[in-house]
Every structure is written in structure tokens, then in C-alpha cells.
N, C-alpha and C. Protein backbone atom coordinates (compact mmCIF):
# COMPACT_ATOMS: atom_id res chain seq x y z
N MET A 1 -10.53 -25.51 32.90
CA MET A 1 -11.48 -25.11 31.89
C MET A 1 -11.47 -23.60 31.69
N LYS A 2 -11.43 -22.83 32.81
CA LYS A 2 -11.44 -21.39 32.70
C LYS A 2 -10.18 -20.87 32.02
N LYS A 3 -9.05 -21.51 32.28
CA LYS A 3 -7.81 -21.10 31.64
C LYS A 3 -7.88 -21.29 30.13
N ASN A 4 -8.45 -22.41 29.73
CA ASN A 4 -8.60 -22.67 28.30
C ASN A 4 -9.55 -21.68 27.65
N LEU A 5 -10.62 -21.35 28.33
CA LEU A 5 -11.60 -20.41 27.80
C LEU A 5 -10.99 -19.02 27.64
N LYS A 6 -10.21 -18.59 28.63
CA LYS A 6 -9.54 -17.29 28.55
C LYS A 6 -8.55 -17.26 27.38
N LEU A 7 -7.83 -18.34 27.20
CA LEU A 7 -6.86 -18.44 26.12
C LEU A 7 -7.56 -18.40 24.76
N ILE A 8 -8.63 -19.12 24.62
CA ILE A 8 -9.38 -19.15 23.37
C ILE A 8 -9.96 -17.77 23.06
N VAL A 9 -10.54 -17.12 24.05
CA VAL A 9 -11.11 -15.79 23.84
C VAL A 9 -10.00 -14.80 23.46
N PHE A 10 -8.86 -14.88 24.12
CA PHE A 10 -7.73 -14.01 23.81
C PHE A 10 -7.25 -14.22 22.37
N LEU A 11 -7.13 -15.48 21.96
CA LEU A 11 -6.70 -15.78 20.59
C LEU A 11 -7.70 -15.30 19.56
N VAL A 12 -8.97 -15.50 19.82
CA VAL A 12 -10.01 -15.05 18.88
C VAL A 12 -10.00 -13.54 18.75
N LEU A 13 -9.89 -12.84 19.86
CA LEU A 13 -9.84 -11.37 19.81
C LEU A 13 -8.57 -10.89 19.10
N GLY A 14 -7.46 -11.58 19.31
CA GLY A 14 -6.22 -11.23 18.63
C GLY A 14 -6.33 -11.41 17.13
N ILE A 15 -6.94 -12.50 16.70
CA ILE A 15 -7.12 -12.76 15.27
C ILE A 15 -8.03 -11.70 14.65
N ILE A 16 -9.09 -11.34 15.34
CA ILE A 16 -10.00 -10.31 14.83
C ILE A 16 -9.28 -8.97 14.73
N ALA A 17 -8.49 -8.63 15.73
CA ALA A 17 -7.74 -7.36 15.70
C ALA A 17 -6.74 -7.34 14.55
N LEU A 18 -6.06 -8.44 14.31
CA LEU A 18 -5.11 -8.52 13.20
C LEU A 18 -5.83 -8.39 11.85
N TYR A 19 -6.98 -9.01 11.72
CA TYR A 19 -7.75 -8.93 10.48
C TYR A 19 -8.19 -7.50 10.21
N ILE A 20 -8.69 -6.83 11.23
CA ILE A 20 -9.15 -5.44 11.06
C ILE A 20 -7.98 -4.52 10.73
N SER A 21 -6.87 -4.68 11.42
CA SER A 21 -5.72 -3.80 11.15
C SER A 21 -5.13 -4.06 9.78
N THR A 22 -5.15 -5.30 9.31
CA THR A 22 -4.66 -5.60 7.97
C THR A 22 -5.51 -4.91 6.92
N ASN A 23 -6.80 -4.95 7.07
CA ASN A 23 -7.69 -4.27 6.11
C ASN A 23 -7.52 -2.76 6.18
N TYR A 24 -7.31 -2.22 7.36
CA TYR A 24 -7.18 -0.77 7.53
C TYR A 24 -5.88 -0.26 6.91
N TYR A 25 -4.78 -0.94 7.18
CA TYR A 25 -3.48 -0.47 6.73
C TYR A 25 -3.13 -0.91 5.31
N ASN A 26 -3.91 -1.78 4.72
CA ASN A 26 -3.65 -2.24 3.36
C ASN A 26 -3.71 -1.07 2.37
N ASP A 27 -4.73 -0.23 2.47
CA ASP A 27 -4.85 0.92 1.59
C ASP A 27 -3.76 1.95 1.87
N PHE A 28 -3.37 2.08 3.12
CA PHE A 28 -2.31 3.01 3.48
C PHE A 28 -1.00 2.61 2.82
N ASN A 29 -0.68 1.34 2.85
CA ASN A 29 0.55 0.86 2.24
C ASN A 29 0.53 1.04 0.73
N LYS A 30 -0.61 0.77 0.10
CA LYS A 30 -0.70 0.95 -1.35
C LYS A 30 -0.52 2.40 -1.74
N SER A 31 -1.13 3.31 -0.99
CA SER A 31 -1.02 4.73 -1.35
C SER A 31 0.42 5.22 -1.18
N LYS A 32 1.10 4.76 -0.13
CA LYS A 32 2.51 5.14 0.07
C LYS A 32 3.38 4.58 -1.05
N THR A 33 3.12 3.36 -1.47
CA THR A 33 3.89 2.74 -2.54
C THR A 33 3.67 3.45 -3.86
N ILE A 34 2.44 3.83 -4.13
CA ILE A 34 2.13 4.56 -5.37
C ILE A 34 2.81 5.93 -5.36
N LYS A 35 2.79 6.61 -4.22
CA LYS A 35 3.46 7.91 -4.13
C LYS A 35 4.96 7.78 -4.35
N ALA A 36 5.56 6.74 -3.80
CA ALA A 36 7.00 6.51 -4.00
C ALA A 36 7.30 6.20 -5.46
N CYS A 37 6.44 5.46 -6.10
CA CYS A 37 6.60 5.15 -7.52
C CYS A 37 6.52 6.42 -8.36
N ILE A 38 5.57 7.28 -8.05
CA ILE A 38 5.41 8.54 -8.79
C ILE A 38 6.66 9.40 -8.64
N ILE A 39 7.18 9.49 -7.44
CA ILE A 39 8.39 10.30 -7.21
C ILE A 39 9.57 9.70 -7.97
N GLY A 40 9.72 8.39 -7.92
CA GLY A 40 10.81 7.73 -8.63
C GLY A 40 10.71 7.88 -10.13
N LYS A 41 9.52 7.72 -10.65
CA LYS A 41 9.31 7.85 -12.10
C LYS A 41 9.56 9.28 -12.54
N ALA A 42 9.13 10.24 -11.75
CA ALA A 42 9.37 11.65 -12.09
C ALA A 42 10.86 11.95 -12.09
N GLU A 43 11.58 11.36 -11.15
CA GLU A 43 13.04 11.57 -11.07
C GLU A 43 13.72 10.97 -12.31
N LEU A 44 13.28 9.79 -12.71
CA LEU A 44 13.86 9.16 -13.90
C LEU A 44 13.52 9.94 -15.17
N ASP A 45 12.30 10.48 -15.23
CA ASP A 45 11.89 11.24 -16.40
C ASP A 45 12.57 12.60 -16.48
N SER A 46 13.10 13.09 -15.39
CA SER A 46 13.73 14.40 -15.42
C SER A 46 15.00 14.37 -16.26
N ASN A 47 15.57 13.19 -16.47
CA ASN A 47 16.77 13.06 -17.29
C ASN A 47 16.44 12.97 -18.79
N LYS A 48 15.18 12.81 -19.13
CA LYS A 48 14.77 12.66 -20.52
C LYS A 48 14.46 14.02 -21.14
N LEU A 49 14.33 14.00 -22.45
CA LEU A 49 13.95 15.22 -23.16
C LEU A 49 12.50 15.57 -22.82
N GLU A 50 12.16 16.82 -23.02
CA GLU A 50 10.81 17.31 -22.69
C GLU A 50 9.73 16.52 -23.44
N SER A 51 9.98 16.19 -24.69
CA SER A 51 8.97 15.50 -25.51
C SER A 51 8.80 14.04 -25.09
N GLU A 52 9.80 13.44 -24.43
CA GLU A 52 9.72 12.04 -24.04
C GLU A 52 9.14 11.84 -22.65
N ARG A 53 8.98 12.89 -21.89
CA ARG A 53 8.47 12.78 -20.52
C ARG A 53 6.98 12.47 -20.51
N LEU A 54 6.57 11.76 -19.47
CA LEU A 54 5.16 11.47 -19.27
C LEU A 54 4.53 12.60 -18.46
N SER A 55 3.24 12.82 -18.68
CA SER A 55 2.54 13.83 -17.88
C SER A 55 2.28 13.27 -16.48
N ALA A 56 1.86 14.12 -15.58
CA ALA A 56 1.61 13.70 -14.20
C ALA A 56 0.51 12.64 -14.13
N ASP A 57 -0.53 12.81 -14.94
CA ASP A 57 -1.62 11.83 -14.95
C ASP A 57 -1.16 10.49 -15.51
N GLU A 58 -0.32 10.53 -16.52
CA GLU A 58 0.18 9.29 -17.12
C GLU A 58 1.10 8.55 -16.14
N VAL A 59 1.90 9.29 -15.40
CA VAL A 59 2.78 8.67 -14.40
C VAL A 59 1.95 8.03 -13.30
N LYS A 60 0.91 8.72 -12.84
CA LYS A 60 0.06 8.18 -11.79
C LYS A 60 -0.65 6.91 -12.26
N LYS A 61 -1.18 6.95 -13.48
CA LYS A 61 -1.86 5.78 -14.03
C LYS A 61 -0.88 4.61 -14.20
N PHE A 62 0.33 4.90 -14.68
CA PHE A 62 1.35 3.88 -14.84
C PHE A 62 1.67 3.21 -13.50
N CYS A 63 1.87 4.01 -12.47
CA CYS A 63 2.22 3.47 -11.15
C CYS A 63 1.06 2.66 -10.55
N GLU A 64 -0.15 3.15 -10.70
CA GLU A 64 -1.30 2.41 -10.17
C GLU A 64 -1.45 1.07 -10.86
N ASP A 65 -1.22 1.03 -12.17
CA ASP A 65 -1.30 -0.23 -12.91
C ASP A 65 -0.20 -1.19 -12.48
N GLN A 66 0.99 -0.69 -12.25
CA GLN A 66 2.11 -1.54 -11.85
C GLN A 66 1.95 -2.08 -10.44
N ILE A 67 1.41 -1.28 -9.53
CA ILE A 67 1.27 -1.69 -8.13
C ILE A 67 0.12 -2.68 -7.96
N LYS A 68 -1.00 -2.40 -8.58
CA LYS A 68 -2.16 -3.26 -8.42
C LYS A 68 -2.07 -4.39 -9.37
């Protein structure tokens, strides 16, 4: 009985830890992905004419819309 109780407690604590870490790192992953998108979009826009390029705010909004 004690072995089963220890196993159950360990599993419950592990599930709680995974849930908390998923919520914590979810925003971190999104922000890194958005930053990578902004850098990539800026690199692609550097090959375009000045009038065809997007502004920094437009690029950020574009990337946020695409990621979310």
C-alpha cells in the first residue's frame, strides 16, 4: 500500500510540475518565435525597394498575427 501511495504522489507531483512548466515556457517560446519571424521578415524585406518594405511595427503585427 505504501509503495502505491508513494508512486501516486510522485506521479501527481510530476503532472503538476509539467503543467506549471508548460504554462511558464509557453510565452517564452512564443516570444522567441515572434522575434525569429521579425528577423526573417526584415531580411526578406531588405531585398525589396524602399517603398515596398514594411515598417517595424507592421512587421511585428504581421508576425504576431501569423504566430497566434
